[in-house]
């Protein structure tokens, strides 16, 4: 058995398509498109389904929209949420469940039918 430490070496070969990649962990998360649940004068409420697998730890999920939102609520996991303009950040423990529903409120005179998810990003700690 060899107990001597050998320092790792990385070679850069510009002609090669191969490389060393840092893994971000296993698991995946899916955020569905927004579906209108209710309409009222000056706004409405939409629902987003979020599901995940192979994720353990505290998730910080940021969802971006094409318009300003006023409030979010989360059903299915205990969560903290924060709204800032056209994005919402939801923080929750992924081990509580494998999915949740996020209610998005628009009360600013915008048309709920025009509200759409433009992207999302998440991190796990």
C-alpha atoms as a PDB file:
ATOM      1  CA  UNK A   1       0.000   0.000   0.000  1.00  0.00           C
ATOM      2  CA  UNK A   2       1.352   3.427  -0.991  1.00  0.00           C
ATOM      3  CA  UNK A   3       0.829   6.048   1.741  1.00  0.00           C
ATOM      4  CA  UNK A   4       2.770   8.815   0.002  1.00  0.00           C
ATOM      5  CA  UNK A   5       0.800  11.892  -0.988  1.00  0.00           C
ATOM      6  CA  UNK A   6       1.047  12.741  -4.672  1.00  0.00           C
ATOM      7  CA  UNK A   7      -0.007  16.224  -5.721  1.00  0.00           C
ATOM      8  CA  UNK A   8      -2.682  16.157  -8.471  1.00  0.00           C
ATOM      9  CA  UNK A   9      -1.716  17.640 -11.818  1.00  0.00           C
ATOM     10  CA  UNK A  10      -4.005  19.206 -14.448  1.00  0.00           C
ATOM     11  CA  UNK A  11      -2.904  19.550 -18.066  1.00  0.00           C
ATOM     12  CA  UNK A  12      -4.337  22.175 -20.421  1.00  0.00           C
ATOM     13  CA  UNK A  13      -4.599  20.932 -23.986  1.00  0.00           C
ATOM     14  CA  UNK A  14      -6.265  23.613 -26.166  1.00  0.00           C
ATOM     15  CA  UNK A  15      -6.972  21.213 -29.057  1.00  0.00           C
ATOM     16  CA  UNK A  16      -8.988  18.866 -26.837  1.00  0.00           C
ATOM     17  CA  UNK A  17     -12.723  19.090 -26.160  1.00  0.00           C
ATOM     18  CA  UNK A  18     -12.319  17.139 -22.932  1.00  0.00           C
ATOM     19  CA  UNK A  19     -12.130  18.988 -19.646  1.00  0.00           C
ATOM     20  CA  UNK A  20     -12.512  18.894 -15.904  1.00  0.00           C
ATOM     21  CA  UNK A  21     -15.922  19.911 -14.677  1.00  0.00           C
ATOM     22  CA  UNK A  22     -16.983  20.811 -11.150  1.00  0.00           C
ATOM     23  CA  UNK A  23     -20.158  18.973 -10.232  1.00  0.00           C
ATOM     24  CA  UNK A  24     -22.934  20.992  -8.638  1.00  0.00           C
ATOM     25  CA  UNK A  25     -24.475  17.981  -6.948  1.00  0.00           C
ATOM     26  CA  UNK A  26     -27.166  15.535  -7.808  1.00  0.00           C
ATOM     27  CA  UNK A  27     -30.889  16.052  -8.035  1.00  0.00           C
ATOM     28  CA  UNK A  28     -33.152  18.221 -10.111  1.00  0.00           C
ATOM     29  CA  UNK A  29     -35.927  20.759  -9.721  1.00  0.00           C
ATOM     30  CA  UNK A  30     -38.768  21.625 -12.087  1.00  0.00           C
ATOM     31  CA  UNK A  31     -40.843  24.811 -11.975  1.00  0.00           C
ATOM     32  CA  UNK A  32     -44.016  24.666 -14.080  1.00  0.00           C
ATOM     33  CA  UNK A  33     -45.512  27.534 -16.018  1.00  0.00           C
ATOM     34  CA  UNK A  34     -48.009  29.739 -14.252  1.00  0.00           C
ATOM     35  CA  UNK A  35     -51.708  28.796 -14.441  1.00  0.00           C
ATOM     36  CA  UNK A  36     -54.390  31.372 -13.610  1.00  0.00           C
ATOM     37  CA  UNK A  37     -56.442  30.369 -10.579  1.00  0.00           C
ATOM     38  CA  UNK A  38     -58.503  33.518  -9.947  1.00  0.00           C
ATOM     39  CA  UNK A  39     -59.129  36.924 -11.507  1.00  0.00           C
ATOM     40  CA  UNK A  40     -60.335  40.137  -9.913  1.00  0.00           C
ATOM     41  CA  UNK A  41     -60.495  43.787 -10.845  1.00  0.00           C
ATOM     42  CA  UNK A  42     -56.886  45.020 -10.869  1.00  0.00           C
ATOM     43  CA  UNK A  43     -55.180  41.631 -10.617  1.00  0.00           C
ATOM     44  CA  UNK A  44     -55.525  37.971  -9.813  1.00  0.00           C
ATOM     45  CA  UNK A  45     -53.776  34.855  -8.570  1.00  0.00           C
ATOM     46  CA  UNK A  46     -51.726  32.293 -10.458  1.00  0.00           C
ATOM     47  CA  UNK A  47     -50.411  28.915  -9.330  1.00  0.00           C
ATOM     48  CA  UNK A  48     -46.998  27.388 -10.009  1.00  0.00           C
ATOM     49  CA  UNK A  49     -46.131  23.746  -9.301  1.00  0.00           C
ATOM     50  CA  UNK A  50     -42.594  23.005  -8.128  1.00  0.00           C
ATOM     51  CA  UNK A  51     -41.231  19.462  -7.848  1.00  0.00           C
ATOM     52  CA  UNK A  52     -37.801  18.075  -7.003  1.00  0.00           C
ATOM     53  CA  UNK A  53     -35.957  14.814  -6.508  1.00  0.00           C
ATOM     54  CA  UNK A  54     -32.543  13.902  -5.156  1.00  0.00           C
ATOM     55  CA  UNK A  55     -32.182  17.235  -3.331  1.00  0.00           C
ATOM     56  CA  UNK A  56     -31.374  17.315   0.387  1.00  0.00           C
ATOM     57  CA  UNK A  57     -30.864  20.471   2.400  1.00  0.00           C
ATOM     58  CA  UNK A  58     -32.206  24.005   2.464  1.00  0.00           C
ATOM     59  CA  UNK A  59     -33.299  25.251  -0.952  1.00  0.00           C
ATOM     60  CA  UNK A  60     -33.303  28.908  -1.950  1.00  0.00           C
ATOM     61  CA  UNK A  61     -35.452  29.151  -5.097  1.00  0.00           C
ATOM     62  CA  UNK A  62     -35.729  32.433  -7.016  1.00  0.00           C
ATOM     63  CA  UNK A  63     -38.470  32.683  -9.653  1.00  0.00           C
ATOM     64  CA  UNK A  64     -38.479  35.580 -12.132  1.00  0.00           C
ATOM     65  CA  UNK A  65     -41.602  36.952 -13.819  1.00  0.00           C
ATOM     66  CA  UNK A  66     -42.296  39.232 -16.772  1.00  0.00           C
ATOM     67  CA  UNK A  67     -44.137  41.733 -14.546  1.00  0.00           C
ATOM     68  CA  UNK A  68     -44.155  43.065 -10.987  1.00  0.00           C
ATOM     69  CA  UNK A  69     -45.764  40.755  -8.430  1.00  0.00           C
ATOM     70  CA  UNK A  70     -47.149  41.699  -5.024  1.00  0.00           C
ATOM     71  CA  UNK A  71     -47.185  38.549  -2.898  1.00  0.00           C
ATOM     72  CA  UNK A  72     -46.444  34.814  -2.891  1.00  0.00           C
ATOM     73  CA  UNK A  73     -47.714  32.033  -0.660  1.00  0.00           C
ATOM     74  CA  UNK A  74     -46.431  28.471  -0.438  1.00  0.00           C
ATOM     75  CA  UNK A  75     -48.445  25.302   0.175  1.00  0.00           C
ATOM     76  CA  UNK A  76     -46.887  21.876   0.739  1.00  0.00           C
ATOM     77  CA  UNK A  77     -43.752  22.864   2.691  1.00  0.00           C
ATOM     78  CA  UNK A  78     -42.916  25.285   5.494  1.00  0.00           C
ATOM     79  CA  UNK A  79     -41.252  28.195   3.720  1.00  0.00           C
ATOM     80  CA  UNK A  80     -40.052  31.759   4.016  1.00  0.00           C
ATOM     81  CA  UNK A  81     -40.699  34.007   1.039  1.00  0.00           C
ATOM     82  CA  UNK A  82     -39.595  37.432  -0.136  1.00  0.00           C
ATOM     83  CA  UNK A  83     -40.892  39.457  -3.094  1.00  0.00           C
ATOM     84  CA  UNK A  84     -38.798  42.099  -4.834  1.00  0.00           C
ATOM     85  CA  UNK A  85     -40.265  43.664  -7.975  1.00  0.00           C
ATOM     86  CA  UNK A  86     -40.642  40.937 -10.575  1.00  0.00           C
ATOM     87  CA  UNK A  87     -38.971  38.132  -8.598  1.00  0.00           C
ATOM     88  CA  UNK A  88     -39.777  35.988  -5.582  1.00  0.00           C
ATOM     89  CA  UNK A  89     -37.331  34.026  -3.430  1.00  0.00           C
ATOM     90  CA  UNK A  90     -38.662  31.042  -1.501  1.00  0.00           C
ATOM     91  CA  UNK A  91     -36.526  29.202   1.082  1.00  0.00           C
ATOM     92  CA  UNK A  92     -37.529  25.750   2.357  1.00  0.00           C
ATOM     93  CA  UNK A  93     -36.221  22.379   3.537  1.00  0.00           C
ATOM     94  CA  UNK A  94     -36.324  19.946   0.597  1.00  0.00           C
ATOM     95  CA  UNK A  95     -36.590  16.896   2.877  1.00  0.00           C
ATOM     96  CA  UNK A  96     -40.125  17.937   3.986  1.00  0.00           C
ATOM     97  CA  UNK A  97     -41.726  16.907   0.682  1.00  0.00           C
ATOM     98  CA  UNK A  98     -41.002  16.423  -3.022  1.00  0.00           C
ATOM     99  CA  UNK A  99     -43.287  19.158  -4.349  1.00  0.00           C
ATOM    100  CA  UNK A 100     -45.129  22.343  -3.437  1.00  0.00           C
ATOM    101  CA  UNK A 101     -47.514  24.870  -4.944  1.00  0.00           C
ATOM    102  CA  UNK A 102     -46.719  28.571  -5.051  1.00  0.00           C
ATOM    103  CA  UNK A 103     -49.538  31.097  -5.275  1.00  0.00           C
ATOM    104  CA  UNK A 104     -48.566  34.367  -6.969  1.00  0.00           C
ATOM    105  CA  UNK A 105     -50.684  37.482  -6.362  1.00  0.00           C
ATOM    106  CA  UNK A 106     -50.892  40.494  -8.649  1.00  0.00           C
ATOM    107  CA  UNK A 107     -52.795  43.440  -7.159  1.00  0.00           C
ATOM    108  CA  UNK A 108     -51.149  46.305  -9.045  1.00  0.00           C
ATOM    109  CA  UNK A 109     -53.571  46.619 -11.961  1.00  0.00           C
ATOM    110  CA  UNK A 110     -51.654  44.136 -14.143  1.00  0.00           C
ATOM    111  CA  UNK A 111     -53.478  41.474 -16.115  1.00  0.00           C
ATOM    112  CA  UNK A 112     -52.967  38.095 -14.392  1.00  0.00           C
ATOM    113  CA  UNK A 113     -53.474  36.372 -17.766  1.00  0.00           C
ATOM    114  CA  UNK A 114     -50.324  38.091 -19.080  1.00  0.00           C
ATOM    115  CA  UNK A 115     -48.114  37.100 -16.106  1.00  0.00           C
ATOM    116  CA  UNK A 116     -45.506  34.459 -16.986  1.00  0.00           C
ATOM    117  CA  UNK A 117     -42.457  32.792 -15.435  1.00  0.00           C
ATOM    118  CA  UNK A 118     -39.372  33.994 -17.326  1.00  0.00           C
ATOM    119  CA  UNK A 119     -36.840  31.859 -15.468  1.00  0.00           C
ATOM    120  CA  UNK A 120     -35.735  30.402 -12.162  1.00  0.00           C
ATOM    121  CA  UNK A 121     -32.590  29.526 -10.278  1.00  0.00           C
ATOM    122  CA  UNK A 122     -31.939  27.628  -7.060  1.00  0.00           C
ATOM    123  CA  UNK A 123     -29.164  26.783  -4.667  1.00  0.00           C
ATOM    124  CA  UNK A 124     -28.924  24.166  -1.920  1.00  0.00           C
ATOM    125  CA  UNK A 125     -27.052  24.509   1.363  1.00  0.00           C
END
